[in-house]
Each structure stands twice: as structure tokens, then as C-alpha cells.
């Protein structure tokens, strides 16, 4: 397996995301009528033991420790909401080459006028491949539908992964029943060291424009075009090709005031790849994406099921077959539990020779509130993967315990 340490400048993506986040952070200080400002800090310390955290053929157990410092800064007015989420993690492991410092900075905001809603998210992550390539089982609270979170399975230490995401969303109501929606996002990933067809730096924009018709106060149908592209930074060195996908998306959406919401999207189109010899090949690209959540009195279910079209660090756009669910339940004022699972199969669009990457992982944990601010959490984690038909399956079992402090929001 050859390596490449060239990762491109990525200046456009870095500066765009940095300026957006800094600009939104400055908005927190602007005066407004009937505004509420809040600052909620949190700190947690975690200790974990895994039997095979690197998911290697030769099992190697090890410990992992982390101290996480985070905050939630929010500014709310009658028409707008702006939230900034900084986070710093200091970690230590029996795998000595692990990067000790990780950082995240996220932002989400919304502005509502009489006929138009403006929403947006922006985030920056700097993490070790030890964490990013294992994959996420729980949903990201900032961006639950974020792409490229399944992980490549190349769980190594000492390689830094930086990622930037910018995602604006605009919805305009032309009449009581007819509306239009613009949904876009820009994803950029940079690795300090690249591995061909495994850890590939890339830029990937996506744009979707939908015309929506309300069937009732709770449901709507829509149709519109979509376009996406995948641009590897060092494509020729890493066996990755520039590609573009375009087509039509058909959507159905259902939402109640508080208890339930879901969307079903059917995407059909073409994926075109620019070959190294200058020619271009194309394949049919399709996806069926079912996302939603259900809220009950003491519990909540969040899910994501289907075949998702998204960019991937394996070196191209992929079709991600996925069954993902997260269930939380409160058993009383102090005691709660969480169950999360994710089963995936990743296949490269237009490159059947790359084979399928089959992965699954889960988490089960319980949490006890010691006081209103302090809590104790513990649980089990499980991971399994088979990265090619010829490879042997590997798995990992882990146990963890977390002590956390979470400040109280003075306005809630």
C-alpha cells in the first residue's frame, strides 16, 4: 500500500468555512430586540478499553482516554436563532502515535421572514484517523445527515483528517401550497498522509432545487434537479477520478408539530467519470433515502435507511446501503439509556472492481444524573467489518465509562 503526503492547498474551502463561522460568531454580539444570549459549558472525561480498536487482522487490545471541553453559545431573537459550538479534545492511548489534540467548531443558524426561511450550517473538524475512519454510530447533532461519516475502515494512528462543511438552505413560500427550496452543501476533506483508494483528500459540492406542493398541513411532495461533483486533490497518484452526478429527485415529506417527521427521497440520474486516458464513462446513479425521527413522551427514535449517494474518502462517489437507528429513553428523572446501531455496505459508483466494504457497529449505554449538572455514563461498543470479498472479517468489542459536567441554560 503506497502513501502520498501531498494533500493540496484546500485554501478556498478552508477560508470560506472559516470566514462564515467567524462572521456568524460576530453576530452573537450584535444588539437586537428581545434577544436571549446564553453560554453553556460542558466537560467530560472518558476511559475506554477495546479488544481490537484498529480493526486489524492481528488483534491488539488497548486503552484510550479523553478529556473533552465544549461550549454552546446561542443567540435567539423572535425571528432568528444562531448557535456556535466549539469543542477541544485532549486524548491519550496505548497507541503512542495518536494525535493528542483534536478540535471541532460548528455553527447553525436560522432566519425567518414572512415568506422565506434561511437556514445554514458550517463546521470544521480536525481529528485523528483513529477516530474518523472507525465511523460514527450516533447521529451528529449539528448535521444528522452529514456525508462521509461511515468511515473507511482504515483505522490508523498519526494521520490527521481535516474536514470543512458549509450548507445553506433557503425555502420560499410562493403561495399557501406552493414553495421552492434550495439545498446546497460543500464538503472538503484533507489528510496529512493519503492512502490510495482508502484515505483520499477531496472537494465535493452538491446543489438541489425542489418545487414543493403541500398535500395538507402535514405533508408535501416535490420534484427537482440535483447536481454533485467529486474532485480528488491528488487523483492520479491515488487512483481516484473526477466525477459528476446529475439527475432528478422526487421527495415526500411529513411533519407534525412535535412528535414525528420524515422524508423519502428518490434520486435517479447519471454519474460521469473522467478517465485517465481522457475518455469519459457514465453509469446510472440512483438512491432511495428515508430519514426521520419519532418522539414519544419519554423516548425518541432517529433513523436513516436506504441507498444514499454521497462522496467518500475511499476515492469517489459511492452508493451507501445503510440501516441506521438511534433510540434514547428516559426511565426517570435521573436514569436514561441509549441504543444505536449502523449497518452499511459501500460500493463505488462506476467501479465494480473496487468491491464492497461491509461494516457494522453498535453502542449500548446508560446514564445516571448525579446532580443537575453532573452525570455518570457507561456502556459497550461493538464494531465489525469486511473490506473486500477476499478479506477476512474483523471485529472489536469495547467498554467505556464517562464522567461529565453540563452547565444549565439560564433561559430553559
Protein backbone atom coordinates (compact mmCIF):
# COMPACT_ATOMS: atom_id res chain seq x y z
CA UNK A 1 0.00 0.00 0.00
CA UNK A 2 1.71 3.21 -1.17
CA UNK A 3 1.37 6.52 0.60
CA UNK A 4 1.19 10.12 -0.53
CA UNK A 5 1.81 13.09 1.76
CA UNK A 6 0.72 15.71 -0.77
CA UNK A 7 -2.69 17.00 0.21
CA UNK A 8 -3.23 20.14 -1.86
CA UNK A 9 -3.73 23.62 -0.50
CA UNK A 10 -7.53 23.50 0.00
CA UNK A 11 -7.33 27.24 0.61
CA UNK A 12 -10.74 28.02 -0.86
CA UNK A 13 -12.66 25.60 1.33
CA UNK A 14 -10.69 26.49 4.46
CA UNK A 15 -11.08 30.25 4.11
CA UNK A 16 -14.73 30.08 3.06
CA UNK A 17 -15.72 27.98 6.07
CA UNK A 18 -13.50 29.93 8.47
CA UNK A 19 -14.94 33.28 7.38
CA UNK A 20 -18.52 32.02 7.64
CA UNK A 21 -18.03 30.67 11.15
CA UNK A 22 -16.18 33.79 12.32
CA UNK A 23 -18.82 36.03 10.80
CA UNK A 24 -21.61 34.14 12.48
CA UNK A 25 -19.75 34.22 15.79
CA UNK A 26 -19.55 38.02 15.50
CA UNK A 27 -23.33 38.13 15.02
CA UNK A 28 -23.66 36.86 18.56
CA UNK A 29 -22.52 40.26 19.79
CA UNK A 30 -24.89 42.39 17.67
CA UNK A 31 -27.76 44.08 19.52
CA UNK A 32 -31.33 43.03 18.72
CA UNK A 33 -34.78 43.40 20.20
CA UNK A 34 -35.99 40.73 22.60
CA UNK A 35 -32.83 38.73 22.22
CA UNK A 36 -31.59 35.99 24.52
CA UNK A 37 -27.91 35.17 24.87
CA UNK A 38 -26.76 32.01 26.55
CA UNK A 39 -23.44 30.29 27.22
CA UNK A 40 -23.48 26.67 28.40
CA UNK A 41 -20.11 24.97 29.06
CA UNK A 42 -19.55 21.23 29.34
CA UNK A 43 -16.64 18.97 30.29
CA UNK A 44 -16.35 15.21 30.24
CA UNK A 45 -13.66 12.61 30.85
CA UNK A 46 -13.81 9.15 29.22
CA UNK A 47 -11.83 5.95 29.73
CA UNK A 48 -12.26 3.06 27.29
CA UNK A 49 -10.77 -0.37 26.66
CA UNK A 50 -11.05 -2.12 23.28
CA UNK A 51 -10.06 -5.61 22.17
CA UNK A 52 -9.22 -4.58 18.58
CA UNK A 53 -9.80 -0.83 18.12
CA UNK A 54 -7.61 -0.71 14.99
CA UNK A 55 -9.80 -3.41 13.38
CA UNK A 56 -6.67 -5.28 12.25
CA UNK A 57 -6.24 -8.93 11.33
CA UNK A 58 -3.85 -9.34 14.27
CA UNK A 59 -5.85 -8.36 17.33
CA UNK A 60 -4.32 -5.81 19.65
CA UNK A 61 -6.14 -4.54 22.70
CA UNK A 62 -5.55 -1.12 24.18
CA UNK A 63 -6.78 1.72 26.36
CA UNK A 64 -7.98 5.15 25.29
CA UNK A 65 -8.52 8.24 27.47
CA UNK A 66 -10.09 11.56 26.53
CA UNK A 67 -10.86 14.90 28.17
CA UNK A 68 -13.43 16.89 26.20
CA UNK A 69 -14.05 20.63 26.67
CA UNK A 70 -17.05 22.12 24.85
CA UNK A 71 -19.47 25.03 24.92
CA UNK A 72 -22.81 26.01 23.43
CA UNK A 73 -23.16 29.70 22.61
CA UNK A 74 -26.65 30.70 21.44
CA UNK A 75 -28.33 33.92 20.39
CA UNK A 76 -32.12 33.85 19.94
CA UNK A 77 -34.50 36.56 18.75
CA UNK A 78 -38.11 36.50 17.62
CA UNK A 79 -37.08 35.73 14.03
CA UNK A 80 -33.63 34.18 14.25
CA UNK A 81 -31.51 31.62 16.01
CA UNK A 82 -27.72 31.36 15.91
CA UNK A 83 -25.68 28.70 17.71
CA UNK A 84 -21.88 28.29 17.83
CA UNK A 85 -20.39 25.03 19.16
CA UNK A 86 -16.62 24.99 19.86
CA UNK A 87 -15.02 21.79 21.12
CA UNK A 88 -11.48 20.71 22.06
CA UNK A 89 -10.42 17.17 22.98
CA UNK A 90 -7.19 16.00 24.58
CA UNK A 91 -6.61 12.26 24.28
CA UNK A 92 -4.10 9.60 25.19
CA UNK A 93 -3.87 5.98 24.12
CA UNK A 94 -1.69 2.90 24.35
CA UNK A 95 -1.13 3.56 20.61
CA UNK A 96 1.57 6.18 21.09
CA UNK A 97 1.42 7.75 17.61
CA UNK A 98 -2.14 9.01 18.22
CA UNK A 99 -2.58 12.77 17.74
CA UNK A 100 -3.27 14.07 21.23
CA UNK A 101 -5.18 17.23 20.31
CA UNK A 102 -8.42 17.35 18.32
CA UNK A 103 -10.75 20.28 17.67
CA UNK A 104 -14.18 20.97 16.24
CA UNK A 105 -16.04 24.19 15.54
CA UNK A 106 -19.63 24.17 14.37
CA UNK A 107 -22.35 26.70 13.64
CA UNK A 108 -26.02 26.56 12.72
CA UNK A 109 -28.44 29.37 12.21
CA UNK A 110 -31.91 30.25 11.01
CA UNK A 111 -33.66 33.46 10.00
CA UNK A 112 -37.42 33.57 9.33
CA UNK A 113 -39.18 36.28 7.31
CA UNK A 114 -42.83 36.39 6.31
CA UNK A 115 -42.40 34.11 3.29
CA UNK A 116 -38.80 32.89 3.36
CA UNK A 117 -36.76 30.76 5.76
CA UNK A 118 -32.96 30.92 5.65
CA UNK A 119 -31.03 28.11 7.34
CA UNK A 120 -27.39 27.11 7.35
CA UNK A 121 -24.69 25.04 8.97
CA UNK A 122 -20.90 25.29 8.88
CA UNK A 123 -18.32 23.13 10.61
CA UNK A 124 -14.62 22.41 10.85
CA UNK A 125 -13.20 19.16 12.27
CA UNK A 126 -9.57 18.26 12.97
CA UNK A 127 -9.29 14.66 14.10
CA UNK A 128 -7.01 11.63 14.05
CA UNK A 129 -7.86 8.88 11.55
CA UNK A 130 -8.04 6.59 14.60
CA UNK A 131 -11.43 8.19 15.32
CA UNK A 132 -12.74 9.27 11.90
CA UNK A 133 -12.14 6.02 9.99
CA UNK A 134 -13.74 3.83 12.66
CA UNK A 135 -17.01 5.55 11.76
CA UNK A 136 -19.86 7.17 13.67
CA UNK A 137 -22.76 5.15 15.01
CA UNK A 138 -24.59 8.02 16.72
CA UNK A 139 -26.08 10.87 14.68
CA UNK A 140 -24.20 14.16 14.62
CA UNK A 141 -26.49 16.60 16.48
CA UNK A 142 -25.28 19.52 14.33
CA UNK A 143 -25.75 17.78 10.96
CA UNK A 144 -27.54 14.40 11.26
CA UNK A 145 -27.35 13.78 7.50
CA UNK A 146 -23.66 14.63 7.12
CA UNK A 147 -21.95 12.54 4.38
CA UNK A 148 -18.75 10.51 4.69
CA UNK A 149 -19.25 9.61 8.38
CA UNK A 150 -19.34 5.83 7.88
CA UNK A 151 -15.54 5.63 7.94
CA UNK A 152 -13.27 3.78 5.51
CA UNK A 153 -12.22 1.07 7.99
CA UNK A 154 -8.54 2.05 7.65
CA UNK A 155 -8.20 2.75 11.38
CA UNK A 156 -4.65 4.05 11.71
CA UNK A 157 -2.97 6.47 14.11
CA UNK A 158 -0.83 9.52 13.43
CA UNK A 159 -2.72 10.67 10.28
CA UNK A 160 -4.70 13.88 10.70
CA UNK A 161 -8.02 14.35 8.89
CA UNK A 162 -9.36 17.86 8.48
CA UNK A 163 -12.86 18.44 7.09
CA UNK A 164 -14.92 21.53 6.24
CA UNK A 165 -18.66 21.66 5.60
CA UNK A 166 -20.82 24.61 4.53
CA UNK A 167 -24.53 24.02 3.96
CA UNK A 168 -27.06 26.82 3.19
CA UNK A 169 -30.77 26.11 2.80
CA UNK A 170 -33.42 28.58 1.56
CA UNK A 171 -37.17 27.93 1.42
CA UNK A 172 -39.59 30.44 -0.12
CA UNK A 173 -43.39 30.15 0.08
CA UNK A 174 -44.95 31.46 -3.13
CA UNK A 175 -48.49 30.56 -2.04
CA UNK A 176 -50.06 28.64 0.86
CA UNK A 177 -49.47 25.37 -1.02
CA UNK A 178 -46.57 26.02 -3.40
CA UNK A 179 -43.00 26.62 -2.28
CA UNK A 180 -39.45 26.32 -3.58
CA UNK A 181 -36.36 25.10 -1.76
CA UNK A 182 -32.65 25.47 -2.49
CA UNK A 183 -30.46 22.99 -0.62
CA UNK A 184 -26.68 23.08 -1.08
CA UNK A 185 -23.56 21.93 0.71
CA UNK A 186 -19.83 21.95 0.15
CA UNK A 187 -17.67 19.24 1.70
CA UNK A 188 -13.87 19.25 1.74
CA UNK A 189 -11.54 16.65 3.30
CA UNK A 190 -7.76 16.77 3.71
CA UNK A 191 -5.49 14.01 5.07
CA UNK A 192 -1.96 14.73 6.27
CA UNK A 193 -0.94 11.46 4.58
CA UNK A 194 -3.03 9.81 1.86
CA UNK A 195 -3.52 6.12 1.11
CA UNK A 196 -4.70 5.34 -2.45
CA UNK A 197 -8.40 4.40 -2.64
CA UNK A 198 -8.58 4.40 1.15
CA UNK A 199 -7.73 7.86 2.56
CA UNK A 200 -8.22 10.35 -0.27
CA UNK A 201 -8.45 14.15 0.05
CA UNK A 202 -11.30 15.66 -1.96
CA UNK A 203 -13.68 18.56 -2.59
CA UNK A 204 -17.36 17.84 -3.24
CA UNK A 205 -20.15 20.41 -3.83
CA UNK A 206 -23.84 19.45 -4.01
CA UNK A 207 -26.86 21.51 -5.14
CA UNK A 208 -30.55 20.55 -5.18
CA UNK A 209 -33.52 22.71 -6.21
CA UNK A 210 -37.02 21.46 -5.35
CA UNK A 211 -40.54 22.64 -6.19
CA UNK A 212 -42.85 21.56 -3.33
CA UNK A 213 -46.64 21.19 -3.26
CA UNK A 214 -48.42 20.86 0.10
CA UNK A 215 -50.91 17.99 0.16
CA UNK A 216 -52.06 19.02 3.62
CA UNK A 217 -50.81 20.96 6.63
CA UNK A 218 -48.59 17.98 7.49
CA UNK A 219 -47.32 16.60 4.18
CA UNK A 220 -45.87 17.72 0.85
CA UNK A 221 -44.48 16.28 -2.38
CA UNK A 222 -41.75 17.74 -4.54
CA UNK A 223 -39.55 17.31 -7.58
CA UNK A 224 -36.41 18.98 -8.87
CA UNK A 225 -32.89 18.61 -10.26
CA UNK A 226 -29.69 17.81 -8.37
CA UNK A 227 -26.00 18.10 -9.21
CA UNK A 228 -22.86 16.97 -7.39
CA UNK A 229 -19.20 16.54 -8.22
CA UNK A 230 -16.20 14.77 -6.71
CA UNK A 231 -12.77 16.33 -7.17
CA UNK A 232 -9.83 14.40 -5.65
CA UNK A 233 -6.89 16.62 -4.73
CA UNK A 234 -4.23 14.15 -5.93
CA UNK A 235 -6.35 11.99 -8.20
CA UNK A 236 -3.75 10.42 -10.43
CA UNK A 237 -1.49 9.48 -7.53
CA UNK A 238 -4.33 7.86 -5.57
CA UNK A 239 -6.29 6.12 -8.33
CA UNK A 240 -9.24 8.50 -7.85
CA UNK A 241 -11.17 10.09 -10.71
CA UNK A 242 -13.02 13.36 -11.13
CA UNK A 243 -16.74 12.63 -11.41
CA UNK A 244 -20.05 14.46 -11.76
CA UNK A 245 -23.54 13.26 -10.90
CA UNK A 246 -26.78 14.89 -12.03
CA UNK A 247 -30.41 13.93 -12.30
CA UNK A 248 -33.82 14.38 -10.70
CA UNK A 249 -35.02 13.95 -7.14
CA UNK A 250 -38.60 13.12 -6.13
CA UNK A 251 -39.47 13.76 -2.49
CA UNK A 252 -42.26 13.18 0.02
CA UNK A 253 -42.19 14.92 3.41
CA UNK A 254 -44.30 14.56 6.53
CA UNK A 255 -44.02 16.61 9.70
CA UNK A 256 -46.14 17.15 12.78
CA UNK A 257 -45.63 19.95 15.26
CA UNK A 258 -43.56 17.96 17.75
CA UNK A 259 -43.85 14.18 17.56
CA UNK A 260 -42.88 12.93 14.09
CA UNK A 261 -41.17 13.94 10.88
CA UNK A 262 -39.66 12.06 7.96
CA UNK A 263 -38.72 12.45 4.31
CA UNK A 264 -38.38 9.94 1.47
CA UNK A 265 -36.20 10.96 -1.47
CA UNK A 266 -35.85 9.05 -4.75
CA UNK A 267 -32.87 10.12 -6.85
CA UNK A 268 -32.27 8.98 -10.43
CA UNK A 269 -29.54 10.26 -12.73
CA UNK A 270 -26.12 9.75 -14.27
CA UNK A 271 -22.66 9.56 -12.76
CA UNK A 272 -19.89 10.51 -15.22
CA UNK A 273 -16.20 9.90 -14.61
CA UNK A 274 -13.25 11.47 -16.43
CA UNK A 275 -10.86 8.59 -17.14
CA UNK A 276 -7.07 8.97 -17.00
CA UNK A 277 -6.82 8.50 -20.79
CA UNK A 278 -9.11 11.48 -21.41
CA UNK A 279 -12.25 9.48 -22.15
CA UNK A 280 -15.47 9.68 -20.14
CA UNK A 281 -17.63 6.84 -18.84
CA UNK A 282 -21.09 7.04 -17.28
CA UNK A 283 -23.32 4.80 -15.19
CA UNK A 284 -26.82 5.12 -13.80
CA UNK A 285 -26.86 6.65 -10.33
CA UNK A 286 -29.85 6.04 -8.09
CA UNK A 287 -30.72 6.39 -4.44
CA UNK A 288 -33.66 5.89 -2.08
CA UNK A 289 -33.19 7.83 1.16
CA UNK A 290 -35.57 7.57 4.12
CA UNK A 291 -34.73 9.82 7.08
CA UNK A 292 -36.79 10.77 10.08
CA UNK A 293 -37.47 10.79 13.79
CA UNK A 294 -40.30 9.90 16.17
CA UNK A 295 -40.79 11.50 19.56
CA UNK A 296 -42.77 9.93 22.40
CA UNK A 297 -43.36 11.12 25.94
CA UNK A 298 -40.19 9.57 27.41
CA UNK A 299 -38.26 8.34 24.36
CA UNK A 300 -37.06 9.26 20.88
CA UNK A 301 -36.16 7.28 17.75
CA UNK A 302 -33.98 8.65 14.96
CA UNK A 303 -33.35 6.64 11.78
CA UNK A 304 -31.77 6.71 8.32
CA UNK A 305 -32.43 3.83 5.91
CA UNK A 306 -31.84 3.28 2.20
CA UNK A 307 -29.23 3.73 -0.51
CA UNK A 308 -27.51 7.10 -0.21
CA UNK A 309 -25.48 8.86 -2.91
CA UNK A 310 -22.57 10.67 -1.27
CA UNK A 311 -18.85 11.47 -1.57
CA UNK A 312 -16.41 9.18 0.22
CA UNK A 313 -12.79 9.16 1.32
CA UNK A 314 -12.31 5.84 -0.50
CA UNK A 315 -11.76 7.89 -3.66
CA UNK A 316 -15.05 8.61 -5.38
CA UNK A 317 -18.79 8.96 -5.13
CA UNK A 318 -20.43 5.89 -3.62
CA UNK A 319 -23.74 4.21 -3.13
CA UNK A 320 -24.09 3.69 0.63
CA UNK A 321 -26.59 0.99 1.60
CA UNK A 322 -27.48 1.74 5.21
CA UNK A 323 -29.71 0.78 8.12
CA UNK A 324 -29.09 3.22 10.95
CA UNK A 325 -31.11 3.85 14.10
CA UNK A 326 -30.66 5.56 17.46
CA UNK A 327 -33.08 5.13 20.35
CA UNK A 328 -32.97 7.06 23.63
CA UNK A 329 -35.27 6.59 26.60
CA UNK A 330 -35.70 8.23 29.97
CA UNK A 331 -36.54 5.80 32.76
CA UNK A 332 -36.94 8.51 35.37
CA UNK A 333 -35.67 11.94 36.40
CA UNK A 334 -32.11 10.60 36.80
CA UNK A 335 -31.77 7.43 34.70
CA UNK A 336 -31.69 7.13 30.90
CA UNK A 337 -30.44 4.74 28.23
CA UNK A 338 -29.26 4.74 24.62
CA UNK A 339 -29.15 2.11 21.87
CA UNK A 340 -27.56 2.85 18.49
CA UNK A 341 -26.73 0.65 15.52
CA UNK A 342 -25.47 1.11 11.96
CA UNK A 343 -25.12 -1.49 9.20
CA UNK A 344 -23.58 -0.36 5.91
CA UNK A 345 -22.33 -1.55 2.54
CA UNK A 346 -20.28 0.91 0.48
CA UNK A 347 -19.94 0.41 -3.29
CA UNK A 348 -18.09 2.73 -5.67
CA UNK A 349 -20.19 4.20 -8.48
CA UNK A 350 -18.88 3.01 -11.85
CA UNK A 351 -16.08 0.94 -10.31
CA UNK A 352 -17.34 -2.54 -9.50
CA UNK A 353 -13.76 -3.88 -9.37
CA UNK A 354 -13.21 -1.97 -6.11
CA UNK A 355 -15.52 -4.42 -4.30
CA UNK A 356 -17.92 -3.75 -1.45
CA UNK A 357 -16.98 -2.53 2.01
CA UNK A 358 -19.28 -4.13 4.60
CA UNK A 359 -19.28 -2.61 8.07
CA UNK A 360 -21.47 -2.62 11.17
CA UNK A 361 -21.20 -1.18 14.64
CA UNK A 362 -23.32 -0.52 17.67
CA UNK A 363 -23.42 1.09 21.08
CA UNK A 364 -25.46 0.48 24.24
CA UNK A 365 -25.11 2.77 27.24
CA UNK A 366 -26.85 4.00 30.37
CA UNK A 367 -26.54 7.36 32.08
CA UNK A 368 -27.22 8.38 35.67
CA UNK A 369 -27.61 12.02 36.69
CA UNK A 370 -25.66 12.55 39.91
CA UNK A 371 -26.88 16.16 40.13
CA UNK A 372 -28.49 18.59 37.69
CA UNK A 373 -25.05 19.27 36.18
CA UNK A 374 -23.01 16.09 36.81
CA UNK A 375 -23.62 12.69 35.25
CA UNK A 376 -22.06 9.22 35.05
CA UNK A 377 -22.32 7.14 31.87
CA UNK A 378 -21.08 3.69 30.91
CA UNK A 379 -21.63 1.20 28.15
CA UNK A 380 -20.46 -1.18 25.45
CA UNK A 381 -19.35 -0.65 21.85
CA UNK A 382 -19.04 -3.13 19.01
CA UNK A 383 -17.52 -2.92 15.53
CA UNK A 384 -17.26 -5.37 12.61
CA UNK A 385 -16.01 -5.04 9.06
CA UNK A 386 -15.12 -6.93 5.88
CA UNK A 387 -13.47 -4.54 3.45
CA UNK A 388 -13.39 -6.79 0.37
CA UNK A 389 -14.66 -10.22 -0.72
CA UNK A 390 -11.15 -11.65 -0.30
CA UNK A 391 -10.53 -10.09 3.12
CA UNK A 392 -11.29 -11.80 6.41
CA UNK A 393 -13.84 -10.24 8.73
CA UNK A 394 -12.53 -8.50 11.86
CA UNK A 395 -14.34 -7.19 14.91
CA UNK A 396 -13.86 -5.16 18.08
CA UNK A 397 -15.54 -5.05 21.48
CA UNK A 398 -15.14 -2.10 23.82
CA UNK A 399 -16.27 -0.92 27.24
CA UNK A 400 -16.24 2.71 28.39
CA UNK A 401 -17.11 4.95 31.30
CA UNK A 402 -17.64 8.73 31.21
CA UNK A 403 -17.95 11.37 33.92
CA UNK A 404 -19.46 14.60 32.63
CA UNK A 405 -20.41 18.12 33.64
CA UNK A 406 -23.01 20.04 31.63
CA UNK A 407 -23.97 23.59 32.55
CA UNK A 408 -27.58 24.73 32.78
CA UNK A 409 -29.19 27.00 30.21
CA UNK A 410 -30.45 30.03 32.17
CA UNK A 411 -33.37 30.51 29.75
CA UNK A 412 -34.75 26.95 29.90
